[in-house]
Amino acid sequence: MTSCVVQRPGGVCIAVTDLGGDGPVVVLLHGLAGSSRELLRTARALQDHRVLLVDQRGHGASTRLPDDLSRDAFVGDVVAAIEELAPGSRATLVGQSMGAHTLLFSQQQRAQTWSRGS
């Protein structure tokens, strides 16, 4: 397990936990007022995948009070995290509540390289 920080515009830092692994990439996105830590149990159950746990902006270990809390900013954070930590990989995004909302908007931008978990 590796903790990473993805730098974003405006001095925002997005915390990502990379559980490693050689399987397909799965990105887990938490809900409103949550953090990636609440998805650790789910992540550990996906042992045959490379799991990235993202603390969305304003949550968990990411920048707590960013100026930009737009949906576009949340989507940009997910895009940046995947492009930086798993470049060229096809990723499956799984989101709960607010995380699912971010997932849907992210999917619209990158439908050719990402898939939604079911």
PDB file of N, CA and C in Angstrom:
ATOM      1  N   MET A   1       0.855  -1.164   0.000  1.00  0.00           N
ATOM      2  CA  MET A   1       0.000   0.000   0.000  1.00  0.00           C
ATOM      3  C   MET A   1       0.904   1.231   0.000  1.00  0.00           C
ATOM      4  N   THR A   2       0.616   2.144  -0.935  1.00  0.00           N
ATOM      5  CA  THR A   2       1.395   3.360  -1.082  1.00  0.00           C
ATOM      6  C   THR A   2       0.473   4.568  -1.040  1.00  0.00           C
ATOM      7  N   SER A   3       0.869   5.580  -0.293  1.00  0.00           N
ATOM      8  CA  SER A   3       0.114   6.829  -0.278  1.00  0.00           C
ATOM      9  C   SER A   3       0.759   7.785  -1.265  1.00  0.00           C
ATOM     10  N   CYS A   4      -0.069   8.395  -2.108  1.00  0.00           N
ATOM     11  CA  CYS A   4       0.412   9.307  -3.131  1.00  0.00           C
ATOM     12  C   CYS A   4      -0.342  10.618  -3.016  1.00  0.00           C
ATOM     13  N   VAL A   5       0.233  11.654  -3.573  1.00  0.00           N
ATOM     14  CA  VAL A   5      -0.442  12.946  -3.640  1.00  0.00           C
ATOM     15  C   VAL A   5      -0.389  13.410  -5.083  1.00  0.00           C
ATOM     16  N   VAL A   6      -1.549  13.737  -5.613  1.00  0.00           N
ATOM     17  CA  VAL A   6      -1.648  14.273  -6.964  1.00  0.00           C
ATOM     18  C   VAL A   6      -1.871  15.775  -6.826  1.00  0.00           C
ATOM     19  N   GLN A   7      -0.965  16.556  -7.403  1.00  0.00           N
ATOM     20  CA  GLN A   7      -1.039  18.019  -7.332  1.00  0.00           C
ATOM     21  C   GLN A   7      -2.018  18.532  -8.376  1.00  0.00           C
ATOM     22  N   ARG A   8      -2.896  19.436  -7.954  1.00  0.00           N
ATOM     23  CA  ARG A   8      -3.910  20.014  -8.839  1.00  0.00           C
ATOM     24  C   ARG A   8      -3.807  21.535  -8.813  1.00  0.00           C
ATOM     25  N   PRO A   9      -4.393  22.210  -9.781  1.00  0.00           N
ATOM     26  CA  PRO A   9      -4.351  23.683  -9.804  1.00  0.00           C
ATOM     27  C   PRO A   9      -4.912  24.288  -8.517  1.00  0.00           C
ATOM     28  N   GLY A  10      -4.429  25.474  -8.197  1.00  0.00           N
ATOM     29  CA  GLY A  10      -4.901  26.172  -7.003  1.00  0.00           C
ATOM     30  C   GLY A  10      -4.294  25.639  -5.720  1.00  0.00           C
ATOM     31  N   GLY A  11      -3.204  24.865  -5.842  1.00  0.00           N
ATOM     32  CA  GLY A  11      -2.549  24.324  -4.659  1.00  0.00           C
ATOM     33  C   GLY A  11      -3.286  23.164  -4.011  1.00  0.00           C
ATOM     34  N   VAL A  12      -4.223  22.570  -4.704  1.00  0.00           N
ATOM     35  CA  VAL A  12      -4.996  21.449  -4.155  1.00  0.00           C
ATOM     36  C   VAL A  12      -4.197  20.160  -4.289  1.00  0.00           C
ATOM     37  N   CYS A  13      -4.169  19.405  -3.207  1.00  0.00           N
ATOM     38  CA  CYS A  13      -3.506  18.100  -3.184  1.00  0.00           C
ATOM     39  C   CYS A  13      -4.578  17.022  -3.023  1.00  0.00           C
ATOM     40  N   ILE A  14      -4.555  16.046  -3.913  1.00  0.00           N
ATOM     41  CA  ILE A  14      -5.494  14.930  -3.850  1.00  0.00           C
ATOM     42  C   ILE A  14      -4.739  13.713  -3.342  1.00  0.00           C
ATOM     43  N   ALA A  15      -5.201  13.183  -2.203  1.00  0.00           N
ATOM     44  CA  ALA A  15      -4.570  12.013  -1.600  1.00  0.00           C
ATOM     45  C   ALA A  15      -5.138  10.750  -2.244  1.00  0.00           C
ATOM     46  N   VAL A  16      -4.238   9.856  -2.619  1.00  0.00           N
ATOM     47  CA  VAL A  16      -4.625   8.596  -3.235  1.00  0.00           C
ATOM     48  C   VAL A  16      -3.847   7.480  -2.556  1.00  0.00           C
ATOM     49  N   THR A  17      -4.543   6.428  -2.183  1.00  0.00           N
ATOM     50  CA  THR A  17      -3.887   5.235  -1.665  1.00  0.00           C
ATOM     51  C   THR A  17      -3.896   4.196  -2.770  1.00  0.00           C
ATOM     52  N   ASP A  18      -2.712   3.725  -3.121  1.00  0.00           N
ATOM     53  CA  ASP A  18      -2.544   2.730  -4.176  1.00  0.00           C
ATOM     54  C   ASP A  18      -2.234   1.403  -3.497  1.00  0.00           C
ATOM     55  N   LEU A  19      -3.167   0.455  -3.588  1.00  0.00           N
ATOM     56  CA  LEU A  19      -2.954  -0.848  -2.952  1.00  0.00           C
ATOM     57  C   LEU A  19      -2.070  -1.760  -3.786  1.00  0.00           C
ATOM     58  N   GLY A  20      -1.652  -1.279  -4.962  1.00  0.00           N
ATOM     59  CA  GLY A  20      -0.751  -2.057  -5.800  1.00  0.00           C
ATOM     60  C   GLY A  20      -1.473  -3.205  -6.477  1.00  0.00           C
ATOM     61  N   GLY A  21      -0.692  -4.131  -6.989  1.00  0.00           N
ATOM     62  CA  GLY A  21      -1.241  -5.275  -7.691  1.00  0.00           C
ATOM     63  C   GLY A  21      -1.041  -5.152  -9.189  1.00  0.00           C
ATOM     64  N   ASP A  22      -1.153  -6.287  -9.863  1.00  0.00           N
ATOM     65  CA  ASP A  22      -0.904  -6.333 -11.302  1.00  0.00           C
ATOM     66  C   ASP A  22      -2.175  -6.489 -12.119  1.00  0.00           C
ATOM     67  N   GLY A  23      -3.319  -6.565 -11.477  1.00  0.00           N
ATOM     68  CA  GLY A  23      -4.571  -6.772 -12.190  1.00  0.00           C
ATOM     69  C   GLY A  23      -5.131  -5.491 -12.771  1.00  0.00           C
ATOM     70  N   PRO A  24      -6.343  -5.576 -13.296  1.00  0.00           N
ATOM     71  CA  PRO A  24      -7.001  -4.394 -13.844  1.00  0.00           C
ATOM     72  C   PRO A  24      -7.151  -3.300 -12.783  1.00  0.00           C
ATOM     73  N   VAL A  25      -7.118  -2.046 -13.235  1.00  0.00           N
ATOM     74  CA  VAL A  25      -7.206  -0.905 -12.324  1.00  0.00           C
ATOM     75  C   VAL A  25      -8.670  -0.658 -11.938  1.00  0.00           C
ATOM     76  N   VAL A  26      -8.909  -0.527 -10.628  1.00  0.00           N
ATOM     77  CA  VAL A  26     -10.211  -0.163 -10.088  1.00  0.00           C
ATOM     78  C   VAL A  26     -10.011   1.064  -9.214  1.00  0.00           C
ATOM     79  N   VAL A  27     -10.835   2.096  -9.446  1.00  0.00           N
ATOM     80  CA  VAL A  27     -10.778   3.323  -8.663  1.00  0.00           C
ATOM     81  C   VAL A  27     -12.035   3.395  -7.815  1.00  0.00           C
ATOM     82  N   LEU A  28     -11.857   3.502  -6.491  1.00  0.00           N
ATOM     83  CA  LEU A  28     -12.987   3.579  -5.571  1.00  0.00           C
ATOM     84  C   LEU A  28     -13.163   5.017  -5.100  1.00  0.00           C
ATOM     85  N   LEU A  29     -14.401   5.518  -5.219  1.00  0.00           N
ATOM     86  CA  LEU A  29     -14.724   6.900  -4.864  1.00  0.00           C
ATOM     87  C   LEU A  29     -15.777   6.918  -3.759  1.00  0.00           C
ATOM     88  N   HIS A  30     -15.450   7.522  -2.643  1.00  0.00           N
ATOM     89  CA  HIS A  30     -16.327   7.579  -1.468  1.00  0.00           C
ATOM     90  C   HIS A  30     -17.470   8.573  -1.643  1.00  0.00           C
ATOM     91  N   GLY A  31     -18.380   8.556  -0.692  1.00  0.00           N
ATOM     92  CA  GLY A  31     -19.530   9.458  -0.701  1.00  0.00           C
ATOM     93  C   GLY A  31     -19.264  10.759   0.037  1.00  0.00           C
ATOM     94  N   LEU A  32     -20.274  11.630   0.023  1.00  0.00           N
ATOM     95  CA  LEU A  32     -20.206  12.928   0.679  1.00  0.00           C
ATOM     96  C   LEU A  32     -19.907  12.765   2.166  1.00  0.00           C
ATOM     97  N   ALA A  33     -19.033  13.608   2.680  1.00  0.00           N
ATOM     98  CA  ALA A  33     -18.612  13.617   4.085  1.00  0.00           C
ATOM     99  C   ALA A  33     -17.834  12.366   4.474  1.00  0.00           C
ATOM    100  N   GLY A  34     -17.405  11.586   3.484  1.00  0.00           N
ATOM    101  CA  GLY A  34     -16.651  10.374   3.765  1.00  0.00           C
ATOM    102  C   GLY A  34     -15.183  10.536   3.419  1.00  0.00           C
ATOM    103  N   SER A  35     -14.499   9.407   3.374  1.00  0.00           N
ATOM    104  CA  SER A  35     -13.106   9.373   2.941  1.00  0.00           C
ATOM    105  C   SER A  35     -12.838   8.002   2.337  1.00  0.00           C
ATOM    106  N   SER A  36     -11.715   7.895   1.682  1.00  0.00           N
ATOM    107  CA  SER A  36     -11.364   6.623   1.048  1.00  0.00           C
ATOM    108  C   SER A  36     -11.202   5.499   2.072  1.00  0.00           C
ATOM    109  N   ARG A  37     -10.910   5.848   3.310  1.00  0.00           N
ATOM    110  CA  ARG A  37     -10.703   4.839   4.355  1.00  0.00           C
ATOM    111  C   ARG A  37     -11.924   3.948   4.556  1.00  0.00           C
ATOM    112  N   GLU A  38     -13.115   4.513   4.320  1.00  0.00           N
ATOM    113  CA  GLU A  38     -14.322   3.717   4.511  1.00  0.00           C
ATOM    114  C   GLU A  38     -14.475   2.633   3.441  1.00  0.00           C
ATOM    115  N   LEU A  39     -13.653   2.697   2.394  1.00  0.00           N
ATOM    116  CA  LEU A  39     -13.714   1.704   1.326  1.00  0.00           C
ATOM    117  C   LEU A  39     -12.549   0.715   1.367  1.00  0.00           C
ATOM    118  N   LEU A  40     -11.742   0.763   2.419  1.00  0.00           N
ATOM    119  CA  LEU A  40     -10.592  -0.148   2.524  1.00  0.00           C
ATOM    120  C   LEU A  40     -11.002  -1.618   2.519  1.00  0.00           C
ATOM    121  N   ARG A  41     -12.057  -1.941   3.201  1.00  0.00           N
ATOM    122  CA  ARG A  41     -12.500  -3.340   3.250  1.00  0.00           C
ATOM    123  C   ARG A  41     -12.888  -3.833   1.853  1.00  0.00           C
ATOM    124  N   THR A  42     -13.594  -2.990   1.119  1.00  0.00           N
ATOM    125  CA  THR A  42     -13.953  -3.330  -0.260  1.00  0.00           C
ATOM    126  C   THR A  42     -12.695  -3.486  -1.101  1.00  0.00           C
ATOM    127  N   ALA A  43     -11.772  -2.550  -0.949  1.00  0.00           N
ATOM    128  CA  ALA A  43     -10.527  -2.584  -1.720  1.00  0.00           C
ATOM    129  C   ALA A  43      -9.748  -3.868  -1.460  1.00  0.00           C
ATOM    130  N   ARG A  44      -9.671  -4.266  -0.229  1.00  0.00           N
ATOM    131  CA  ARG A  44      -8.914  -5.478   0.115  1.00  0.00           C
ATOM    132  C   ARG A  44      -9.569  -6.737  -0.441  1.00  0.00           C
ATOM    133  N   ALA A  45     -10.882  -6.685  -0.657  1.00  0.00           N
ATOM    134  CA  ALA A  45     -11.580  -7.830  -1.248  1.00  0.00           C
ATOM    135  C   ALA A  45     -11.273  -7.966  -2.739  1.00  0.00           C
ATOM    136  N   LEU A  46     -10.725  -6.921  -3.337  1.00  0.00           N
ATOM    137  CA  LEU A  46     -10.397  -6.924  -4.767  1.00  0.00           C
ATOM    138  C   LEU A  46      -8.918  -7.246  -4.970  1.00  0.00           C
ATOM    139  N   GLN A  47      -8.458  -8.318  -4.366  1.00  0.00           N
ATOM    140  CA  GLN A  47      -7.042  -8.671  -4.356  1.00  0.00           C
ATOM    141  C   GLN A  47      -6.445  -8.901  -5.741  1.00  0.00           C
ATOM    142  N   ASP A  48      -7.266  -9.277  -6.701  1.00  0.00           N
ATOM    143  CA  ASP A  48      -6.754  -9.562  -8.038  1.00  0.00           C
ATOM    144  C   ASP A  48      -6.810  -8.333  -8.951  1.00  0.00           C
ATOM    145  N   HIS A  49      -6.923  -7.141  -8.342  1.00  0.00           N
ATOM    146  CA  HIS A  49      -6.959  -5.879  -9.066  1.00  0.00           C
ATOM    147  C   HIS A  49      -5.931  -4.909  -8.478  1.00  0.00           C
ATOM    148  N   ARG A  50      -5.630  -3.885  -9.228  1.00  0.00           N
ATOM    149  CA  ARG A  50      -4.863  -2.759  -8.686  1.00  0.00           C
ATOM    150  C   ARG A  50      -5.894  -1.722  -8.268  1.00  0.00           C
ATOM    151  N   VAL A  51      -6.000  -1.464  -6.995  1.00  0.00           N
ATOM    152  CA  VAL A  51      -7.036  -0.576  -6.472  1.00  0.00           C
ATOM    153  C   VAL A  51      -6.440   0.768  -6.066  1.00  0.00           C
ATOM    154  N   LEU A  52      -7.065   1.840  -6.560  1.00  0.00           N
ATOM    155  CA  LEU A  52      -6.725   3.202  -6.168  1.00  0.00           C
ATOM    156  C   LEU A  52      -7.883   3.760  -5.364  1.00  0.00           C
ATOM    157  N   LEU A  53      -7.599   4.196  -4.148  1.00  0.00           N
ATOM    158  CA  LEU A  53      -8.593   4.814  -3.272  1.00  0.00           C
ATOM    159  C   LEU A  53      -8.333   6.318  -3.269  1.00  0.00           C
ATOM    160  N   VAL A  54      -9.296   7.080  -3.750  1.00  0.00           N
ATOM    161  CA  VAL A  54      -9.125   8.525  -3.893  1.00  0.00           C
ATOM    162  C   VAL A  54      -9.895   9.255  -2.800  1.00  0.00           C
ATOM    163  N   ASP A  55      -9.192  10.129  -2.073  1.00  0.00           N
ATOM    164  CA  ASP A  55      -9.869  11.071  -1.169  1.00  0.00           C
ATOM    165  C   ASP A  55     -10.242  12.268  -2.022  1.00  0.00           C
ATOM    166  N   GLN A  56     -11.529  12.439  -2.286  1.00  0.00           N
ATOM    167  CA  GLN A  56     -11.960  13.551  -3.123  1.00  0.00           C
ATOM    168  C   GLN A  56     -11.698  14.882  -2.416  1.00  0.00           C
ATOM    169  N   ARG A  57     -11.541  15.933  -3.195  1.00  0.00           N
ATOM    170  CA  ARG A  57     -11.201  17.250  -2.630  1.00  0.00           C
ATOM    171  C   ARG A  57     -12.173  17.627  -1.512  1.00  0.00           C
ATOM    172  N   GLY A  58     -11.597  18.199  -0.444  1.00  0.00           N
ATOM    173  CA  GLY A  58     -12.391  18.581   0.715  1.00  0.00           C
ATOM    174  C   GLY A  58     -12.677  17.430   1.666  1.00  0.00           C
ATOM    175  N   HIS A  59     -12.112  16.259   1.399  1.00  0.00           N
ATOM    176  CA  HIS A  59     -12.399  15.060   2.192  1.00  0.00           C
ATOM    177  C   HIS A  59     -11.097  14.325   2.536  1.00  0.00           C
ATOM    178  N   GLY A  60     -11.150  13.550   3.607  1.00  0.00           N
ATOM    179  CA  GLY A  60     -10.023  12.699   3.983  1.00  0.00           C
ATOM    180  C   GLY A  60      -8.723  13.474   4.097  1.00  0.00           C
ATOM    181  N   ALA A  61      -7.669  12.925   3.488  1.00  0.00           N
ATOM    182  CA  ALA A  61      -6.341  13.544   3.564  1.00  0.00           C
ATOM    183  C   ALA A  61      -6.075  14.531   2.429  1.00  0.00           C
ATOM    184  N   SER A  62      -7.061  14.765   1.565  1.00  0.00           N
ATOM    185  CA  SER A  62      -6.914  15.762   0.502  1.00  0.00           C
ATOM    186  C   SER A  62      -7.112  17.161   1.081  1.00  0.00           C
ATOM    187  N   THR A  63      -6.778  18.174   0.301  1.00  0.00           N
ATOM    188  CA  THR A  63      -6.948  19.560   0.733  1.00  0.00           C
ATOM    189  C   THR A  63      -8.364  19.765   1.254  1.00  0.00           C
ATOM    190  N   ARG A  64      -8.465  20.268   2.478  1.00  0.00           N
ATOM    191  CA  ARG A  64      -9.753  20.346   3.171  1.00  0.00           C
ATOM    192  C   ARG A  64     -10.673  21.458   2.696  1.00  0.00           C
ATOM    193  N   LEU A  65     -10.149  22.631   2.391  1.00  0.00           N
ATOM    194  CA  LEU A  65     -10.997  23.763   2.026  1.00  0.00           C
ATOM    195  C   LEU A  65     -10.557  24.369   0.691  1.00  0.00           C
ATOM    196  N   PRO A  66     -10.664  23.609  -0.388  1.00  0.00           N
ATOM    197  CA  PRO A  66     -10.252  24.161  -1.678  1.00  0.00           C
ATOM    198  C   PRO A  66     -11.222  25.245  -2.132  1.00  0.00           C
ATOM    199  N   ASP A  67     -10.723  26.191  -2.900  1.00  0.00           N
ATOM    200  CA  ASP A  67     -11.580  27.255  -3.421  1.00  0.00           C
ATOM    201  C   ASP A  67     -12.603  26.713  -4.429  1.00  0.00           C
ATOM    202  N   ASP A  68     -12.189  25.750  -5.231  1.00  0.00           N
ATOM    203  CA  ASP A  68     -13.046  25.228  -6.289  1.00  0.00           C
ATOM    204  C   ASP A  68     -13.671  23.899  -5.862  1.00  0.00           C
ATOM    205  N   LEU A  69     -14.970  23.917  -5.668  1.00  0.00           N
ATOM    206  CA  LEU A  69     -15.702  22.698  -5.322  1.00  0.00           C
ATOM    207  C   LEU A  69     -16.704  22.325  -6.419  1.00  0.00           C
ATOM    208  N   SER A  70     -16.398  22.718  -7.645  1.00  0.00           N
ATOM    209  CA  SER A  70     -17.284  22.420  -8.769  1.00  0.00           C
ATOM    210  C   SER A  70     -17.187  20.949  -9.155  1.00  0.00           C
ATOM    211  N   ARG A  71     -18.203  20.473  -9.840  1.00  0.00           N
ATOM    212  CA  ARG A  71     -18.180  19.086 -10.334  1.00  0.00           C
ATOM    213  C   ARG A  71     -17.003  18.899 -11.276  1.00  0.00           C
ATOM    214  N   ASP A  72     -16.718  19.932 -12.098  1.00  0.00           N
ATOM    215  CA  ASP A  72     -15.583  19.837 -13.020  1.00  0.00           C
ATOM    216  C   ASP A  72     -14.267  19.626 -12.268  1.00  0.00           C
ATOM    217  N   ALA A  73     -14.127  20.268 -11.114  1.00  0.00           N
ATOM    218  CA  ALA A  73     -12.904  20.103 -10.321  1.00  0.00           C
ATOM    219  C   ALA A  73     -12.789  18.673  -9.798  1.00  0.00           C
ATOM    220  N   PHE A  74     -13.896  18.115  -9.309  1.00  0.00           N
ATOM    221  CA  PHE A  74     -13.879  16.737  -8.815  1.00  0.00           C
ATOM    222  C   PHE A  74     -13.511  15.771  -9.940  1.00  0.00           C
ATOM    223  N   VAL A  75     -14.114  15.985 -11.115  1.00  0.00           N
ATOM    224  CA  VAL A  75     -13.821  15.139 -12.274  1.00  0.00           C
ATOM    225  C   VAL A  75     -12.355  15.280 -12.671  1.00  0.00           C
ATOM    226  N   GLY A  76     -11.860  16.506 -12.722  1.00  0.00           N
ATOM    227  CA  GLY A  76     -10.460  16.734 -13.068  1.00  0.00           C
ATOM    228  C   GLY A  76      -9.504  16.027 -12.125  1.00  0.00           C
ATOM    229  N   ASP A  77      -9.871  15.963 -10.856  1.00  0.00           N
ATOM    230  CA  ASP A  77      -9.028  15.279  -9.866  1.00  0.00           C
ATOM    231  C   ASP A  77      -8.940  13.787 -10.164  1.00  0.00           C
ATOM    232  N   VAL A  78     -10.072  13.181 -10.478  1.00  0.00           N
ATOM    233  CA  VAL A  78     -10.086  11.740 -10.777  1.00  0.00           C
ATOM    234  C   VAL A  78      -9.299  11.464 -12.056  1.00  0.00           C
ATOM    235  N   VAL A  79      -9.525  12.277 -13.069  1.00  0.00           N
ATOM    236  CA  VAL A  79      -8.798  12.130 -14.329  1.00  0.00           C
ATOM    237  C   VAL A  79      -7.291  12.247 -14.077  1.00  0.00           C
ATOM    238  N   ALA A  80      -6.887  13.260 -13.339  1.00  0.00           N
ATOM    239  CA  ALA A  80      -5.462  13.478 -13.057  1.00  0.00           C
ATOM    240  C   ALA A  80      -4.859  12.321 -12.274  1.00  0.00           C
ATOM    241  N   ALA A  81      -5.592  11.811 -11.283  1.00  0.00           N
ATOM    242  CA  ALA A  81      -5.080  10.699 -10.474  1.00  0.00           C
ATOM    243  C   ALA A  81      -4.839   9.466 -11.334  1.00  0.00           C
ATOM    244  N   ILE A  82      -5.782   9.142 -12.192  1.00  0.00           N
ATOM    245  CA  ILE A  82      -5.626   7.958 -13.039  1.00  0.00           C
ATOM    246  C   ILE A  82      -4.513   8.166 -14.055  1.00  0.00           C
ATOM    247  N   GLU A  83      -4.486   9.332 -14.678  1.00  0.00           N
ATOM    248  CA  GLU A  83      -3.449   9.590 -15.683  1.00  0.00           C
ATOM    249  C   GLU A  83      -2.049   9.610 -15.079  1.00  0.00           C
ATOM    250  N   GLU A  84      -1.936  10.064 -13.829  1.00  0.00           N
ATOM    251  CA  GLU A  84      -0.619  10.108 -13.184  1.00  0.00           C
ATOM    252  C   GLU A  84      -0.194   8.747 -12.626  1.00  0.00           C
ATOM    253  N   LEU A  85      -1.123   8.023 -12.019  1.00  0.00           N
ATOM    254  CA  LEU A  85      -0.763   6.790 -11.315  1.00  0.00           C
ATOM    255  C   LEU A  85      -0.937   5.524 -12.138  1.00  0.00           C
ATOM    256  N   ALA A  86      -1.773   5.575 -13.161  1.00  0.00           N
ATOM    257  CA  ALA A  86      -1.994   4.393 -14.004  1.00  0.00           C
ATOM    258  C   ALA A  86      -2.112   4.819 -15.470  1.00  0.00           C
ATOM    259  N   PRO A  87      -1.098   5.511 -15.985  1.00  0.00           N
ATOM    260  CA  PRO A  87      -1.187   6.033 -17.354  1.00  0.00           C
ATOM    261  C   PRO A  87      -1.374   4.909 -18.378  1.00  0.00           C
ATOM    262  N   GLY A  88      -2.289   5.166 -19.305  1.00  0.00           N
ATOM    263  CA  GLY A  88      -2.524   4.185 -20.368  1.00  0.00           C
ATOM    264  C   GLY A  88      -3.355   2.994 -19.964  1.00  0.00           C
ATOM    265  N   SER A  89      -3.770   2.927 -18.711  1.00  0.00           N
ATOM    266  CA  SER A  89      -4.556   1.781 -18.239  1.00  0.00           C
ATOM    267  C   SER A  89      -6.049   2.031 -18.414  1.00  0.00           C
ATOM    268  N   ARG A  90      -6.760   0.976 -18.689  1.00  0.00           N
ATOM    269  CA  ARG A  90      -8.225   1.038 -18.692  1.00  0.00           C
ATOM    270  C   ARG A  90      -8.640   0.852 -17.234  1.00  0.00           C
ATOM    271  N   ALA A  91      -9.450   1.770 -16.728  1.00  0.00           N
ATOM    272  CA  ALA A  91      -9.832   1.727 -15.316  1.00  0.00           C
ATOM    273  C   ALA A  91     -11.333   1.540 -15.170  1.00  0.00           C
ATOM    274  N   THR A  92     -11.706   0.813 -14.133  1.00  0.00           N
ATOM    275  CA  THR A  92     -13.108   0.692 -13.748  1.00  0.00           C
ATOM    276  C   THR A  92     -13.315   1.585 -12.539  1.00  0.00           C
ATOM    277  N   LEU A  93     -14.303   2.469 -12.618  1.00  0.00           N
ATOM    278  CA  LEU A  93     -14.608   3.377 -11.518  1.00  0.00           C
ATOM    279  C   LEU A  93     -15.820   2.857 -10.765  1.00  0.00           C
ATOM    280  N   VAL A  94     -15.718   2.874  -9.440  1.00  0.00           N
ATOM    281  CA  VAL A  94     -16.813   2.453  -8.574  1.00  0.00           C
ATOM    282  C   VAL A  94     -17.032   3.569  -7.567  1.00  0.00           C
ATOM    283  N   GLY A  95     -18.260   4.076  -7.499  1.00  0.00           N
ATOM    284  CA  GLY A  95     -18.529   5.191  -6.606  1.00  0.00           C
ATOM    285  C   GLY A  95     -19.756   4.969  -5.757  1.00  0.00           C
ATOM    286  N   GLN A  96     -19.725   5.545  -4.569  1.00  0.00           N
ATOM    287  CA  GLN A  96     -20.844   5.487  -3.638  1.00  0.00           C
ATOM    288  C   GLN A  96     -21.350   6.907  -3.430  1.00  0.00           C
ATOM    289  N   SER A  97     -22.629   7.140  -3.638  1.00  0.00           N
ATOM    290  CA  SER A  97     -23.257   8.436  -3.410  1.00  0.00           C
ATOM    291  C   SER A  97     -22.557   9.528  -4.220  1.00  0.00           C
ATOM    292  N   MET A  98     -21.932  10.508  -3.578  1.00  0.00           N
ATOM    293  CA  MET A  98     -21.230  11.569  -4.287  1.00  0.00           C
ATOM    294  C   MET A  98     -20.162  10.986  -5.208  1.00  0.00           C
ATOM    295  N   GLY A  99     -19.538   9.909  -4.800  1.00  0.00           N
ATOM    296  CA  GLY A  99     -18.529   9.262  -5.633  1.00  0.00           C
ATOM    297  C   GLY A  99     -19.117   8.746  -6.942  1.00  0.00           C
ATOM    298  N   ALA A 100     -20.349   8.259  -6.892  1.00  0.00           N
ATOM    299  CA  ALA A 100     -21.017   7.806  -8.111  1.00  0.00           C
ATOM    300  C   ALA A 100     -21.317   8.985  -9.029  1.00  0.00           C
ATOM    301  N   HIS A 101     -21.644  10.118  -8.445  1.00  0.00           N
ATOM    302  CA  HIS A 101     -21.893  11.327  -9.223  1.00  0.00           C
ATOM    303  C   HIS A 101     -20.612  11.740  -9.954  1.00  0.00           C
ATOM    304  N   THR A 102     -19.506  11.743  -9.246  1.00  0.00           N
ATOM    305  CA  THR A 102     -18.212  12.062  -9.858  1.00  0.00           C
ATOM    306  C   THR A 102     -17.890  11.051 -10.953  1.00  0.00           C
ATOM    307  N   LEU A 103     -18.155   9.794 -10.679  1.00  0.00           N
ATOM    308  CA  LEU A 103     -17.904   8.720 -11.645  1.00  0.00           C
ATOM    309  C   LEU A 103     -18.670   8.970 -12.943  1.00  0.00           C
ATOM    310  N   LEU A 104     -19.940   9.311 -12.853  1.00  0.00           N
ATOM    311  CA  LEU A 104     -20.749   9.505 -14.056  1.00  0.00           C
ATOM    312  C   LEU A 104     -20.218  10.644 -14.923  1.00  0.00           C
ATOM    313  N   PHE A 105     -19.843  11.754 -14.293  1.00  0.00           N
ATOM    314  CA  PHE A 105     -19.291  12.861 -15.062  1.00  0.00           C
ATOM    315  C   PHE A 105     -17.911  12.517 -15.613  1.00  0.00           C
ATOM    316  N   SER A 106     -17.135  11.769 -14.868  1.00  0.00           N
ATOM    317  CA  SER A 106     -15.816  11.338 -15.339  1.00  0.00           C
ATOM    318  C   SER A 106     -15.966  10.409 -16.533  1.00  0.00           C
ATOM    319  N   GLN A 107     -16.911   9.505 -16.443  1.00  0.00           N
ATOM    320  CA  GLN A 107     -17.167   8.542 -17.513  1.00  0.00           C
ATOM    321  C   GLN A 107     -17.506   9.254 -18.817  1.00  0.00           C
ATOM    322  N   GLN A 108     -18.240  10.330 -18.738  1.00  0.00           N
ATOM    323  CA  GLN A 108     -18.604  11.088 -19.939  1.00  0.00           C
ATOM    324  C   GLN A 108     -17.361  11.635 -20.632  1.00  0.00           C
ATOM    325  N   GLN A 109     -16.365  12.040 -19.849  1.00  0.00           N
ATOM    326  CA  GLN A 109     -15.142  12.603 -20.424  1.00  0.00           C
ATOM    327  C   GLN A 109     -14.218  11.542 -20.998  1.00  0.00           C
ATOM    328  N   ARG A 110     -14.207  10.368 -20.387  1.00  0.00           N
ATOM    329  CA  ARG A 110     -13.214   9.348 -20.749  1.00  0.00           C
ATOM    330  C   ARG A 110     -13.836   7.994 -21.052  1.00  0.00           C
ATOM    331  N   ALA A 111     -14.968   7.974 -21.678  1.00  0.00           N
ATOM    332  CA  ALA A 111     -15.688   6.711 -21.926  1.00  0.00           C
ATOM    333  C   ALA A 111     -14.854   5.681 -22.673  1.00  0.00           C
ATOM    334  N   GLN A 112     -13.936   6.120 -23.501  1.00  0.00           N
ATOM    335  CA  GLN A 112     -13.147   5.184 -24.301  1.00  0.00           C
ATOM    336  C   GLN A 112     -12.108   4.431 -23.462  1.00  0.00           C
ATOM    337  N   THR A 113     -11.739   4.941 -22.305  1.00  0.00           N
ATOM    338  CA  THR A 113     -10.683   4.293 -21.522  1.00  0.00           C
ATOM    339  C   THR A 113     -11.148   3.808 -20.150  1.00  0.00           C
ATOM    340  N   TRP A 114     -12.347   4.174 -19.755  1.00  0.00           N
ATOM    341  CA  TRP A 114     -12.830   3.792 -18.434  1.00  0.00           C
ATOM    342  C   TRP A 114     -14.116   3.036 -18.561  1.00  0.00           C
ATOM    343  N   SER A 115     -14.404   2.219 -17.562  1.00  0.00           N
ATOM    344  CA  SER A 115     -15.704   1.550 -17.513  1.00  0.00           C
ATOM    345  C   SER A 115     -16.261   1.698 -16.125  1.00  0.00           C
ATOM    346  N   ARG A 116     -17.581   1.595 -16.018  1.00  0.00           N
ATOM    347  CA  ARG A 116     -18.241   1.694 -14.730  1.00  0.00           C
ATOM    348  C   ARG A 116     -18.403   0.306 -14.142  1.00  0.00           C
ATOM    349  N   GLY A 117     -18.152   0.184 -12.841  1.00  0.00           N
ATOM    350  CA  GLY A 117     -18.388  -1.078 -12.151  1.00  0.00           C
ATOM    351  C   GLY A 117     -19.874  -1.268 -11.962  1.00  0.00           C
ATOM    352  N   SER A 118     -20.277  -2.508 -11.841  1.00  0.00           N
ATOM    353  CA  SER A 118     -21.709  -2.758 -11.625  1.00  0.00           C
ATOM    354  C   SER A 118     -21.922  -3.528 -10.351  1.00  0.00           C
TER     355      SER A 118
END
